[in-house]
Amino acid sequence: MSGPGSAEDLLEFPCRYQFKAVGVAGAAFKRAIVAAVEQQVAVPADSVRSRPSGQGNYQSVSIQVTLDNYQQLTSIYAEMRKVDDLKMLL
C-alpha cells in the first residue's frame, strides 16, 4: 500500500519507462540486462540501445518498455542489480 507522496504515486500506469544500466563493455552484459527486463515485460528489439564509453571499457544499455504497474518497475530493478559487471543503474 502506498502512502501520500510515495514513489509509486509519481507514475501513472500503464506508462513508457526507460531503464539505463552501465557496465562492462561486451555483448554478454547487454544480453544479461535485456534478459533481466524480459523477466517482467516483453522487450522489442528496436527498444534496446547501447553506447560505448569514451575509452570503450564500459557501455550503457538503455531499454524503453511499457510498464503496467509499480511492481514490474521494482522487480526489473531488482533483477538488473543481480547482473554481473553492473556498475550503475540510472
C-alpha atoms as a PDB file:
ATOM      1  CA  MET A   1       0.000   0.000   0.000  1.00  0.00           C
ATOM      2  CA  SER A   2       1.359   3.394  -0.899  1.00  0.00           C
ATOM      3  CA  GLY A   3       1.110   6.431   1.289  1.00  0.00           C
ATOM      4  CA  PRO A   4       0.820  10.061   0.256  1.00  0.00           C
ATOM      5  CA  GLY A   5       3.879  11.251  -1.639  1.00  0.00           C
ATOM      6  CA  SER A   6       5.245   7.751  -2.216  1.00  0.00           C
ATOM      7  CA  ALA A   7       7.369   6.871  -5.241  1.00  0.00           C
ATOM      8  CA  GLU A   8       4.513   4.777  -6.582  1.00  0.00           C
ATOM      9  CA  ASP A   9       2.337   7.900  -6.847  1.00  0.00           C
ATOM     10  CA  LEU A  10       4.796   9.609  -9.199  1.00  0.00           C
ATOM     11  CA  LEU A  11       3.944   7.404 -12.185  1.00  0.00           C
ATOM     12  CA  GLU A  12       0.630   6.724 -13.851  1.00  0.00           C
ATOM     13  CA  PHE A  13       0.301   3.196 -15.231  1.00  0.00           C
ATOM     14  CA  PRO A  14       0.458   1.925 -17.869  1.00  0.00           C
ATOM     15  CA  CYS A  15       3.425   4.065 -18.899  1.00  0.00           C
ATOM     16  CA  ARG A  16       6.516   4.062 -21.079  1.00  0.00           C
ATOM     17  CA  TYR A  17       9.654   3.809 -18.943  1.00  0.00           C
ATOM     18  CA  GLN A  18      13.341   3.799 -19.825  1.00  0.00           C
ATOM     19  CA  PHE A  19      15.825   1.720 -17.869  1.00  0.00           C
ATOM     20  CA  LYS A  20      19.522   2.518 -18.207  1.00  0.00           C
ATOM     21  CA  ALA A  21      22.347   0.339 -16.944  1.00  0.00           C
ATOM     22  CA  VAL A  22      26.075   0.969 -17.138  1.00  0.00           C
ATOM     23  CA  GLY A  23      28.508  -1.921 -17.067  1.00  0.00           C
ATOM     24  CA  VAL A  24      31.498  -3.619 -18.623  1.00  0.00           C
ATOM     25  CA  ALA A  25      31.606  -3.437 -22.424  1.00  0.00           C
ATOM     26  CA  GLY A  26      30.565  -6.534 -24.315  1.00  0.00           C
ATOM     27  CA  ALA A  27      27.629  -8.467 -25.680  1.00  0.00           C
ATOM     28  CA  ALA A  28      27.247 -10.582 -22.514  1.00  0.00           C
ATOM     29  CA  PHE A  29      26.410  -7.573 -20.352  1.00  0.00           C
ATOM     30  CA  LYS A  30      23.859  -6.284 -22.859  1.00  0.00           C
ATOM     31  CA  ARG A  31      22.209  -9.717 -23.121  1.00  0.00           C
ATOM     32  CA  ALA A  32      22.053 -10.036 -19.323  1.00  0.00           C
ATOM     33  CA  ILE A  33      20.372  -6.636 -18.926  1.00  0.00           C
ATOM     34  CA  VAL A  34      17.812  -7.434 -21.632  1.00  0.00           C
ATOM     35  CA  ALA A  35      17.136 -10.825 -20.011  1.00  0.00           C
ATOM     36  CA  ALA A  36      16.573  -9.153 -16.625  1.00  0.00           C
ATOM     37  CA  VAL A  37      13.942  -6.839 -18.111  1.00  0.00           C
ATOM     38  CA  GLU A  38      12.349  -9.661 -20.122  1.00  0.00           C
ATOM     39  CA  GLN A  39      11.542 -11.495 -16.899  1.00  0.00           C
ATOM     40  CA  GLN A  40       8.750  -8.954 -16.383  1.00  0.00           C
ATOM     41  CA  VAL A  41       7.846  -7.449 -19.781  1.00  0.00           C
ATOM     42  CA  ALA A  42       8.361  -8.010 -23.491  1.00  0.00           C
ATOM     43  CA  VAL A  43      11.382  -6.178 -24.905  1.00  0.00           C
ATOM     44  CA  PRO A  44      11.044  -5.252 -28.584  1.00  0.00           C
ATOM     45  CA  ALA A  45      14.401  -5.421 -30.382  1.00  0.00           C
ATOM     46  CA  ASP A  46      14.120  -1.800 -31.512  1.00  0.00           C
ATOM     47  CA  SER A  47      13.735  -0.580 -27.911  1.00  0.00           C
ATOM     48  CA  VAL A  48      17.282  -1.592 -26.902  1.00  0.00           C
ATOM     49  CA  ARG A  49      20.151   0.847 -27.386  1.00  0.00           C
ATOM     50  CA  SER A  50      23.761   0.592 -26.290  1.00  0.00           C
ATOM     51  CA  ARG A  51      26.584   3.085 -26.333  1.00  0.00           C
ATOM     52  CA  PRO A  52      30.267   2.530 -25.537  1.00  0.00           C
ATOM     53  CA  SER A  53      32.198   4.766 -23.157  1.00  0.00           C
ATOM     54  CA  GLY A  54      34.911   7.060 -24.470  1.00  0.00           C
ATOM     55  CA  GLN A  55      37.676   4.522 -23.956  1.00  0.00           C
ATOM     56  CA  GLY A  56      35.489   1.523 -24.767  1.00  0.00           C
ATOM     57  CA  ASN A  57      35.843  -0.184 -21.375  1.00  0.00           C
ATOM     58  CA  TYR A  58      32.202   0.324 -20.402  1.00  0.00           C
ATOM     59  CA  GLN A  59      28.845   0.650 -22.088  1.00  0.00           C
ATOM     60  CA  SER A  60      25.416   1.990 -21.302  1.00  0.00           C
ATOM     61  CA  VAL A  61      22.384  -0.083 -22.211  1.00  0.00           C
ATOM     62  CA  SER A  62      19.017   1.684 -22.451  1.00  0.00           C
ATOM     63  CA  ILE A  63      15.741  -0.189 -22.757  1.00  0.00           C
ATOM     64  CA  GLN A  64      12.374   1.503 -23.165  1.00  0.00           C
ATOM     65  CA  VAL A  65       9.319  -0.605 -22.348  1.00  0.00           C
ATOM     66  CA  THR A  66       5.699  -0.252 -21.301  1.00  0.00           C
ATOM     67  CA  LEU A  67       5.035  -0.995 -17.630  1.00  0.00           C
ATOM     68  CA  ASP A  68       1.608  -1.949 -16.342  1.00  0.00           C
ATOM     69  CA  ASN A  69       2.264  -1.472 -12.625  1.00  0.00           C
ATOM     70  CA  TYR A  70       4.762  -0.375  -9.997  1.00  0.00           C
ATOM     71  CA  GLN A  71       5.604  -3.973  -9.068  1.00  0.00           C
ATOM     72  CA  GLN A  72       7.073  -4.525 -12.541  1.00  0.00           C
ATOM     73  CA  LEU A  73       9.290  -1.469 -12.090  1.00  0.00           C
ATOM     74  CA  THR A  74      10.701  -2.613  -8.763  1.00  0.00           C
ATOM     75  CA  SER A  75      11.101  -6.219  -9.932  1.00  0.00           C
ATOM     76  CA  ILE A  76      13.059  -5.180 -13.021  1.00  0.00           C
ATOM     77  CA  TYR A  77      15.443  -3.023 -10.984  1.00  0.00           C
ATOM     78  CA  ALA A  78      15.932  -5.922  -8.547  1.00  0.00           C
ATOM     79  CA  GLU A  79      16.795  -8.288 -11.407  1.00  0.00           C
ATOM     80  CA  MET A  80      19.167  -5.809 -13.044  1.00  0.00           C
ATOM     81  CA  ARG A  81      21.058  -5.396  -9.750  1.00  0.00           C
ATOM     82  CA  LYS A  82      21.905  -9.125  -9.941  1.00  0.00           C
ATOM     83  CA  VAL A  83      23.705  -8.787 -13.298  1.00  0.00           C
ATOM     84  CA  ASP A  84      27.451  -9.404 -13.165  1.00  0.00           C
ATOM     85  CA  ASP A  85      29.612  -6.478 -14.257  1.00  0.00           C
ATOM     86  CA  LEU A  86      26.884  -3.914 -13.482  1.00  0.00           C
ATOM     87  CA  LYS A  87      28.460  -0.651 -12.381  1.00  0.00           C
ATOM     88  CA  MET A  88      25.481   1.728 -12.169  1.00  0.00           C
ATOM     89  CA  LEU A  89      21.731   1.993 -12.706  1.00  0.00           C
ATOM     90  CA  LEU A  90      20.222   5.292 -13.798  1.00  0.00           C
END
